[in-house]
C-alpha atoms as a PDB file:
ATOM      1  CA  MET A   1      94.418  -5.331 218.376  1.00  0.00           C
ATOM      2  CA  THR A   2      93.072  -2.760 216.072  1.00  0.00           C
ATOM      3  CA  HIS A   3      90.933   0.431 216.672  1.00  0.00           C
ATOM      4  CA  SER A   4      88.488   2.300 214.367  1.00  0.00           C
ATOM      5  CA  LEU A   5      89.225   5.871 213.794  1.00  0.00           C
ATOM      6  CA  THR A   6      87.089   8.419 211.904  1.00  0.00           C
ATOM      7  CA  LEU A   7      88.747  11.544 210.637  1.00  0.00           C
ATOM      8  CA  GLU A   8      87.406  14.638 208.751  1.00  0.00           C
ATOM      9  CA  VAL A   9      90.116  15.789 206.459  1.00  0.00           C
ATOM     10  CA  PRO A  10      90.193  18.795 204.189  1.00  0.00           C
ATOM     11  CA  GLU A  11      90.035  18.336 200.446  1.00  0.00           C
ATOM     12  CA  SER A  12      93.697  19.343 200.167  1.00  0.00           C
ATOM     13  CA  ILE A  13      94.748  16.337 202.120  1.00  0.00           C
ATOM     14  CA  TYR A  14      92.227  13.860 200.848  1.00  0.00           C
ATOM     15  CA  GLN A  15      92.725  14.547 197.102  1.00  0.00           C
ATOM     16  CA  PRO A  16      96.434  13.375 197.012  1.00  0.00           C
ATOM     17  CA  LEU A  17      95.497  10.263 199.059  1.00  0.00           C
ATOM     18  CA  ALA A  18      92.705   9.464 196.663  1.00  0.00           C
ATOM     19  CA  GLU A  19      94.901   9.981 193.673  1.00  0.00           C
ATOM     20  CA  GLU A  20      97.648   7.643 195.067  1.00  0.00           C
ATOM     21  CA  ALA A  21      95.069   5.034 196.067  1.00  0.00           C
ATOM     22  CA  LYS A  22      93.554   5.032 192.566  1.00  0.00           C
ATOM     23  CA  ALA A  23      97.008   4.739 190.980  1.00  0.00           C
ATOM     24  CA  LYS A  24      97.736   1.808 193.248  1.00  0.00           C
ATOM     25  CA  GLU A  25      94.383   0.304 192.965  1.00  0.00           C
ATOM     26  CA  ARG A  26      93.917   0.407 196.744  1.00  0.00           C
ATOM     27  CA  LYS A  27      91.505   2.111 199.233  1.00  0.00           C
ATOM     28  CA  VAL A  28      92.171   5.628 200.477  1.00  0.00           C
ATOM     29  CA  GLU A  29      92.148   4.251 204.011  1.00  0.00           C
ATOM     30  CA  ASP A  30      94.916   1.771 203.174  1.00  0.00           C
ATOM     31  CA  ILE A  31      97.159   4.630 201.801  1.00  0.00           C
ATOM     32  CA  ALA A  32      96.460   6.800 204.903  1.00  0.00           C
ATOM     33  CA  LEU A  33      97.217   3.893 207.214  1.00  0.00           C
ATOM     34  CA  GLN A  34     100.507   3.208 205.447  1.00  0.00           C
ATOM     35  CA  MET A  35     101.591   6.832 205.805  1.00  0.00           C
ATOM     36  CA  LEU A  36     100.612   6.882 209.470  1.00  0.00           C
ATOM     37  CA  GLU A  37     102.640   3.689 210.026  1.00  0.00           C
ATOM     38  CA  LEU A  38     105.649   5.320 208.439  1.00  0.00           C
ATOM     39  CA  LEU A  39     105.321   8.402 210.572  1.00  0.00           C
ATOM     40  CA  THR A  40     104.855   6.599 213.901  1.00  0.00           C
ATOM     41  CA  SER A  41     107.117   3.571 213.433  1.00  0.00           C
ATOM     42  CA  ASP A  42     110.647   3.475 214.994  1.00  0.00           C
ATOM     43  CA  ARG A  43     111.848   0.448 212.922  1.00  0.00           C
ATOM     44  CA  LYS A  44     114.624   0.942 210.549  1.00  0.00           C
ATOM     45  CA  LEU A  45     113.741   1.083 206.884  1.00  0.00           C
ATOM     46  CA  SER A  46     115.447  -1.198 204.435  1.00  0.00           C
ATOM     47  CA  ILE A  47     117.436   0.462 201.697  1.00  0.00           C
ATOM     48  CA  GLU A  48     114.646  -0.169 199.222  1.00  0.00           C
ATOM     49  CA  GLU A  49     112.065   1.385 201.606  1.00  0.00           C
ATOM     50  CA  PHE A  50     114.273   4.309 202.339  1.00  0.00           C
ATOM     51  CA  GLU A  51     114.838   5.018 198.613  1.00  0.00           C
ATOM     52  CA  LYS A  52     111.206   4.715 197.825  1.00  0.00           C
ATOM     53  CA  LEU A  53     110.378   7.147 200.647  1.00  0.00           C
ATOM     54  CA  ALA A  54     113.054   9.599 199.498  1.00  0.00           C
ATOM     55  CA  ASP A  55     111.722   9.472 195.944  1.00  0.00           C
ATOM     56  CA  LEU A  56     108.204  10.166 197.223  1.00  0.00           C
ATOM     57  CA  LEU A  57     109.501  13.166 199.237  1.00  0.00           C
ATOM     58  CA  ALA A  58     111.440  14.524 196.294  1.00  0.00           C
ATOM     59  CA  ASP A  59     108.321  14.243 194.154  1.00  0.00           C
ATOM     60  CA  GLU A  60     106.287  16.136 196.732  1.00  0.00           C
ATOM     61  CA  VAL A  61     108.868  18.931 196.958  1.00  0.00           C
ATOM     62  CA  GLU A  62     109.024  19.217 193.283  1.00  0.00           C
ATOM     63  CA  LYS A  63     105.212  19.419 192.969  1.00  0.00           C
ATOM     64  CA  ARG A  64     105.107  22.192 195.582  1.00  0.00           C
ATOM     65  CA  MET A  65     107.925  24.296 194.070  1.00  0.00           C
ATOM     66  CA  PRO A  66     106.785  27.704 192.694  1.00  0.00           C
ATOM     67  CA  GLU A  67     106.736  27.492 188.960  1.00  0.00           C
ATOM     68  CA  ASP A  68     109.238  30.393 188.727  1.00  0.00           C
ATOM     69  CA  ALA A  69     111.783  28.643 190.992  1.00  0.00           C
ATOM     70  CA  LYS A  70     115.244  28.386 189.632  1.00  0.00           C
ATOM     71  CA  PRO A  71     117.739  25.571 190.341  1.00  0.00           C
ATOM     72  CA  LEU A  72     120.538  26.315 192.611  1.00  0.00           C
ATOM     73  CA  SER A  73     123.929  27.271 190.937  1.00  0.00           C
ATOM     74  CA  VAL A  74     126.883  24.916 191.084  1.00  0.00           C
ATOM     75  CA  TYR A  75     128.562  27.293 193.564  1.00  0.00           C
ATOM     76  CA  ALA A  76     125.448  27.237 195.799  1.00  0.00           C
ATOM     77  CA  VAL A  77     125.842  23.511 196.352  1.00  0.00           C
ATOM     78  CA  SER A  78     129.621  23.479 196.482  1.00  0.00           C
ATOM     79  CA  ARG A  79     131.596  23.194 199.713  1.00  0.00           C
ATOM     80  CA  GLU A  80     132.571  26.891 199.353  1.00  0.00           C
ATOM     81  CA  GLY A  81     129.036  28.076 198.802  1.00  0.00           C
ATOM     82  CA  ILE A  82     127.632  26.037 201.595  1.00  0.00           C
ATOM     83  CA  TYR A  83     130.246  27.247 204.098  1.00  0.00           C
ATOM     84  CA  GLU A  84     130.952  30.751 202.920  1.00  0.00           C
ATOM     85  CA  ASP A  85     129.328  32.255 206.009  1.00  0.00           C
ATOM     86  CA  HIS A  86     131.546  30.268 208.311  1.00  0.00           C
ATOM     87  CA  LEU A  87     135.011  31.192 206.955  1.00  0.00           C
END
């Protein structure tokens, strides 16, 4: 069984969907449905699906980072740096 759903989305949401749809030569609706399925599904992802999703998330984070953002230092991501407040 399927249902029809009409949504009004702001340009800031529609545009990335449209860009991905164009890149994949698919309809915007198909991309949106795929994302909704990922958000609502409780099935386990395959390793390939997980890696693809992780890459997409990393790309999104990178796109949204401020231009003047600096990478973390080696110390900041070390065990000592992560747990320094807990010693």
